[in-house]
Every structure is written in C-alpha cells, then in structure tokens.
C-alpha cells in the first residue's frame, strides 16, 4: 500500500513530548523513527518514505492526525530542513 502524506520533521528534546528522547513505543527517537496517527498507520509498522528512507512508525504527536507524518531526525537543524512537503509512504508490513 502506498500513501501520499504531508511530512514535517522533528528531533528528540526539541519539539515537545516527554523530553526523554524516547518515542511512544519506548525506542530511542531520531533518524529512522517517525510519528504517525496510529488510527491511520499502526505503531510498529515498517515504512519506506520517499526522500527519507526506511523507518518505523514508533511515535505519535499532538499535531499528527490523519495523513500527516513527522520524520525523526537527530538534530533540530536537520528536522527544520524538512519543512512541510508531500511524500509517498510505502507500507512494508
């Protein structure tokens, strides 16, 4: 299955949340983890995201509803460069 989603970027400690550096599923936040609406993409789902690479749906976010996805990065500067853009998201499992 392929979805067209609106992507933004986030980095641990820089964008709210629990500020523990961990995702909603308990794994370390950063590049390769993404925040999704679990009603749209279940947590734990493996994904391939155009222009980003392979990721796991491991987190949630207050503004992440429906077809929005937040791409995890290791620094705030990297996350900021994402801006807001449309991406194709391939559901791998």
N, C-alpha and C. Protein backbone atom coordinates (compact mmCIF):
# COMPACT_ATOMS: atom_id res chain seq x y z
N UNK A 1 0.85 -1.18 0.00
CA UNK A 1 0.00 0.00 0.00
C UNK A 1 0.89 1.23 0.00
N UNK A 2 0.49 2.24 -0.76
CA UNK A 2 1.23 3.50 -0.85
C UNK A 2 0.30 4.64 -0.45
N UNK A 3 0.78 5.51 0.42
CA UNK A 3 0.01 6.66 0.88
C UNK A 3 0.73 7.94 0.49
N UNK A 4 -0.01 8.97 0.15
CA UNK A 4 0.57 10.30 0.00
C UNK A 4 0.27 11.05 1.29
N UNK A 5 1.35 11.53 1.94
CA UNK A 5 1.19 12.16 3.25
C UNK A 5 1.89 13.51 3.28
N UNK A 6 1.52 14.32 4.25
CA UNK A 6 2.17 15.61 4.49
C UNK A 6 3.22 15.39 5.57
N UNK A 7 4.49 15.65 5.22
CA UNK A 7 5.60 15.39 6.13
C UNK A 7 6.15 16.68 6.74
N UNK A 8 6.51 16.57 8.01
CA UNK A 8 7.28 17.59 8.71
C UNK A 8 8.40 16.85 9.43
N UNK A 9 9.31 17.59 10.05
CA UNK A 9 10.42 16.95 10.74
C UNK A 9 10.40 17.26 12.23
N UNK A 10 10.97 16.35 13.01
CA UNK A 10 11.13 16.60 14.44
C UNK A 10 12.41 15.95 14.95
N UNK A 11 12.87 16.44 16.08
CA UNK A 11 14.07 15.90 16.71
C UNK A 11 13.79 15.71 18.20
N UNK A 12 14.38 14.69 18.82
CA UNK A 12 14.17 14.49 20.25
C UNK A 12 14.61 15.73 21.04
N UNK A 13 13.90 16.02 22.08
CA UNK A 13 14.19 17.12 23.01
C UNK A 13 13.83 18.50 22.45
N UNK A 14 13.62 18.62 21.14
CA UNK A 14 13.42 19.94 20.55
C UNK A 14 11.96 20.26 20.28
N UNK A 15 11.09 19.27 20.29
CA UNK A 15 9.73 19.51 19.81
C UNK A 15 8.65 19.01 20.76
N UNK A 16 8.80 19.23 22.03
CA UNK A 16 7.76 18.83 22.96
C UNK A 16 7.84 17.38 23.33
N UNK A 17 6.71 16.80 23.70
CA UNK A 17 6.68 15.40 24.11
C UNK A 17 7.23 15.24 25.52
N UNK A 18 7.64 14.04 25.83
CA UNK A 18 8.07 13.75 27.20
C UNK A 18 9.48 14.23 27.48
N UNK A 19 10.22 14.57 26.44
CA UNK A 19 11.60 15.06 26.57
C UNK A 19 12.54 14.01 27.16
N UNK A 20 12.20 12.75 26.98
CA UNK A 20 13.06 11.67 27.46
C UNK A 20 13.97 11.17 26.35
N UNK A 21 13.71 11.59 25.12
CA UNK A 21 14.44 11.06 23.98
C UNK A 21 13.90 9.73 23.50
N UNK A 22 12.77 9.31 24.08
CA UNK A 22 12.13 8.04 23.71
C UNK A 22 10.81 8.31 23.01
N UNK A 23 10.44 7.40 22.14
CA UNK A 23 9.17 7.51 21.42
C UNK A 23 8.04 6.93 22.27
N UNK A 24 6.83 7.03 21.73
CA UNK A 24 5.65 6.46 22.41
C UNK A 24 5.78 4.95 22.59
N UNK A 25 6.57 4.30 21.73
CA UNK A 25 6.77 2.85 21.84
C UNK A 25 7.98 2.50 22.70
N UNK A 26 8.70 3.52 23.19
CA UNK A 26 9.82 3.29 24.09
C UNK A 26 11.19 3.20 23.45
N UNK A 27 11.25 3.26 22.10
CA UNK A 27 12.57 3.20 21.48
C UNK A 27 13.16 4.60 21.36
N UNK A 28 14.46 4.66 21.14
CA UNK A 28 15.15 5.94 21.05
C UNK A 28 14.67 6.72 19.82
N UNK A 29 14.30 7.97 20.02
CA UNK A 29 13.85 8.83 18.93
C UNK A 29 15.04 9.32 18.13
N UNK A 30 14.83 9.54 16.84
CA UNK A 30 15.87 10.06 15.97
C UNK A 30 15.63 9.61 14.55
N UNK A 31 16.68 9.70 13.73
CA UNK A 31 16.54 9.33 12.33
C UNK A 31 16.11 7.87 12.22
N UNK A 32 15.08 7.61 11.43
CA UNK A 32 14.57 6.26 11.26
C UNK A 32 13.32 5.97 12.07
N UNK A 33 12.94 6.91 12.94
CA UNK A 33 11.67 6.79 13.66
C UNK A 33 10.75 7.90 13.17
N UNK A 34 9.48 7.60 13.05
CA UNK A 34 8.53 8.61 12.61
C UNK A 34 7.31 8.60 13.51
N UNK A 35 6.67 9.76 13.60
CA UNK A 35 5.43 9.90 14.35
C UNK A 35 4.26 9.85 13.37
N UNK A 36 3.25 9.09 13.74
CA UNK A 36 2.07 8.90 12.90
C UNK A 36 0.81 8.97 13.75
N UNK A 37 -0.32 9.04 13.08
CA UNK A 37 -1.61 8.86 13.73
C UNK A 37 -1.85 7.35 13.75
N UNK A 38 -1.85 6.72 14.92
CA UNK A 38 -1.97 5.26 14.97
C UNK A 38 -3.30 4.72 14.45
N UNK A 39 -4.29 5.60 14.27
CA UNK A 39 -5.54 5.17 13.64
C UNK A 39 -5.35 5.04 12.13
N UNK A 40 -4.33 5.68 11.60
CA UNK A 40 -4.04 5.71 10.16
C UNK A 40 -2.95 4.71 9.79
N UNK A 41 -1.87 4.69 10.59
CA UNK A 41 -0.76 3.73 10.43
C UNK A 41 -0.47 3.18 11.82
N UNK A 42 -0.63 1.89 12.05
CA UNK A 42 -0.39 1.32 13.38
C UNK A 42 1.07 1.49 13.83
N UNK A 43 1.25 1.75 15.12
CA UNK A 43 2.60 1.81 15.67
C UNK A 43 3.29 0.48 15.45
N UNK A 44 4.57 0.53 15.14
CA UNK A 44 5.34 -0.67 14.87
C UNK A 44 5.42 -1.02 13.39
N UNK A 45 4.66 -0.32 12.54
CA UNK A 45 4.67 -0.60 11.11
C UNK A 45 5.99 -0.15 10.49
N UNK A 46 6.55 -1.01 9.63
CA UNK A 46 7.76 -0.66 8.89
C UNK A 46 7.37 0.08 7.62
N UNK A 47 8.11 1.14 7.31
CA UNK A 47 7.77 2.03 6.21
C UNK A 47 8.99 2.32 5.35
N UNK A 48 8.73 2.71 4.10
CA UNK A 48 9.76 3.34 3.28
C UNK A 48 9.18 4.68 2.86
N UNK A 49 9.91 5.77 3.11
CA UNK A 49 9.42 7.12 2.84
C UNK A 49 10.30 7.76 1.78
N UNK A 50 9.66 8.19 0.70
CA UNK A 50 10.35 8.84 -0.40
C UNK A 50 11.16 10.04 0.11
N UNK A 51 12.43 10.09 -0.22
CA UNK A 51 13.29 11.21 0.18
C UNK A 51 13.80 11.13 1.60
N UNK A 52 13.46 10.06 2.32
CA UNK A 52 13.88 9.89 3.72
C UNK A 52 14.53 8.54 3.93
N UNK A 53 13.87 7.48 3.48
CA UNK A 53 14.40 6.13 3.62
C UNK A 53 13.50 5.25 4.46
N UNK A 54 14.10 4.21 5.02
CA UNK A 54 13.36 3.24 5.83
C UNK A 54 13.13 3.80 7.22
N UNK A 55 11.97 3.46 7.78
CA UNK A 55 11.61 3.97 9.11
C UNK A 55 10.63 3.02 9.77
N UNK A 56 10.45 3.25 11.05
CA UNK A 56 9.43 2.53 11.81
C UNK A 56 8.48 3.55 12.42
N UNK A 57 7.18 3.27 12.35
CA UNK A 57 6.17 4.12 12.97
C UNK A 57 6.23 3.86 14.47
N UNK A 58 6.92 4.74 15.19
CA UNK A 58 7.22 4.49 16.59
C UNK A 58 6.72 5.56 17.54
N UNK A 59 6.15 6.64 17.00
CA UNK A 59 5.79 7.75 17.87
C UNK A 59 4.47 8.35 17.43
N UNK A 60 3.93 9.20 18.28
CA UNK A 60 2.70 9.94 18.00
C UNK A 60 2.99 11.41 18.29
N UNK A 61 2.09 12.28 17.91
CA UNK A 61 2.26 13.70 18.19
C UNK A 61 0.93 14.40 18.19
N UNK A 62 0.85 15.47 18.96
CA UNK A 62 -0.40 16.20 19.09
C UNK A 62 -0.95 16.73 17.78
N UNK A 63 -0.06 17.15 16.87
CA UNK A 63 -0.50 17.69 15.58
C UNK A 63 -0.49 16.65 14.47
N UNK A 64 -0.14 15.41 14.80
CA UNK A 64 -0.04 14.36 13.78
C UNK A 64 -1.36 13.61 13.73
N UNK A 65 -2.20 14.03 12.80
CA UNK A 65 -3.53 13.45 12.62
C UNK A 65 -3.73 13.08 11.16
N UNK A 66 -4.40 11.96 10.92
CA UNK A 66 -4.73 11.56 9.55
C UNK A 66 -3.50 11.33 8.70
N UNK A 67 -3.42 12.05 7.58
CA UNK A 67 -2.35 11.79 6.62
C UNK A 67 -1.08 12.61 6.88
N UNK A 68 -0.84 12.99 8.12
CA UNK A 68 0.39 13.71 8.47
C UNK A 68 1.40 12.74 9.06
N UNK A 69 2.68 12.98 8.79
CA UNK A 69 3.76 12.15 9.31
C UNK A 69 4.91 13.07 9.72
N UNK A 70 5.49 12.80 10.86
CA UNK A 70 6.60 13.58 11.40
C UNK A 70 7.86 12.73 11.29
N UNK A 71 8.83 13.17 10.50
CA UNK A 71 10.04 12.40 10.24
C UNK A 71 11.10 12.70 11.30
N UNK A 72 11.53 11.67 12.00
CA UNK A 72 12.52 11.84 13.06
C UNK A 72 13.90 12.16 12.51
N UNK A 73 14.59 13.06 13.19
CA UNK A 73 15.97 13.44 12.86
C UNK A 73 16.78 13.50 14.15
N UNK A 74 18.08 13.52 14.02
CA UNK A 74 18.95 13.52 15.19
C UNK A 74 19.19 14.91 15.75
N UNK A 75 19.02 15.96 14.93
CA UNK A 75 19.21 17.33 15.41
C UNK A 75 18.05 18.20 14.96
N UNK A 76 17.85 19.29 15.68
CA UNK A 76 16.80 20.24 15.33
C UNK A 76 17.06 20.85 13.95
N UNK A 77 18.33 21.13 13.63
CA UNK A 77 18.67 21.73 12.34
C UNK A 77 18.26 20.81 11.19
N UNK A 78 18.51 19.51 11.33
CA UNK A 78 18.11 18.55 10.30
C UNK A 78 16.59 18.51 10.16
N UNK A 79 15.91 18.49 11.28
CA UNK A 79 14.44 18.42 11.27
C UNK A 79 13.83 19.65 10.61
N UNK A 80 14.40 20.80 10.90
CA UNK A 80 13.89 22.06 10.36
C UNK A 80 13.98 22.10 8.83
N UNK A 81 15.01 21.46 8.27
CA UNK A 81 15.20 21.46 6.82
C UNK A 81 14.09 20.71 6.08
N UNK A 82 13.36 19.85 6.76
CA UNK A 82 12.28 19.10 6.11
C UNK A 82 11.20 20.06 5.63
N UNK A 83 10.92 21.09 6.41
CA UNK A 83 9.83 22.00 6.06
C UNK A 83 8.51 21.26 6.12
N UNK A 84 7.63 21.56 5.19
CA UNK A 84 6.35 20.86 5.04
C UNK A 84 6.27 20.44 3.58
N UNK A 85 6.13 19.14 3.35
CA UNK A 85 6.10 18.66 1.96
C UNK A 85 5.29 17.38 1.85
N UNK A 86 4.85 17.09 0.63
CA UNK A 86 4.16 15.83 0.36
C UNK A 86 5.19 14.75 0.10
N UNK A 87 4.95 13.56 0.65
CA UNK A 87 5.83 12.41 0.42
C UNK A 87 4.98 11.18 0.16
N UNK A 88 5.56 10.23 -0.57
CA UNK A 88 4.93 8.92 -0.72
C UNK A 88 5.47 8.03 0.38
N UNK A 89 4.56 7.36 1.07
CA UNK A 89 4.92 6.46 2.16
C UNK A 89 4.48 5.05 1.76
N UNK A 90 5.44 4.15 1.72
CA UNK A 90 5.19 2.76 1.34
C UNK A 90 5.08 1.93 2.61
N UNK A 91 3.95 1.28 2.80
CA UNK A 91 3.73 0.40 3.95
C UNK A 91 4.38 -0.94 3.63
N UNK A 92 5.36 -1.35 4.43
CA UNK A 92 6.10 -2.57 4.14
C UNK A 92 5.54 -3.80 4.83
N UNK A 93 4.78 -3.61 5.90
CA UNK A 93 4.16 -4.78 6.54
C UNK A 93 2.82 -4.44 7.15
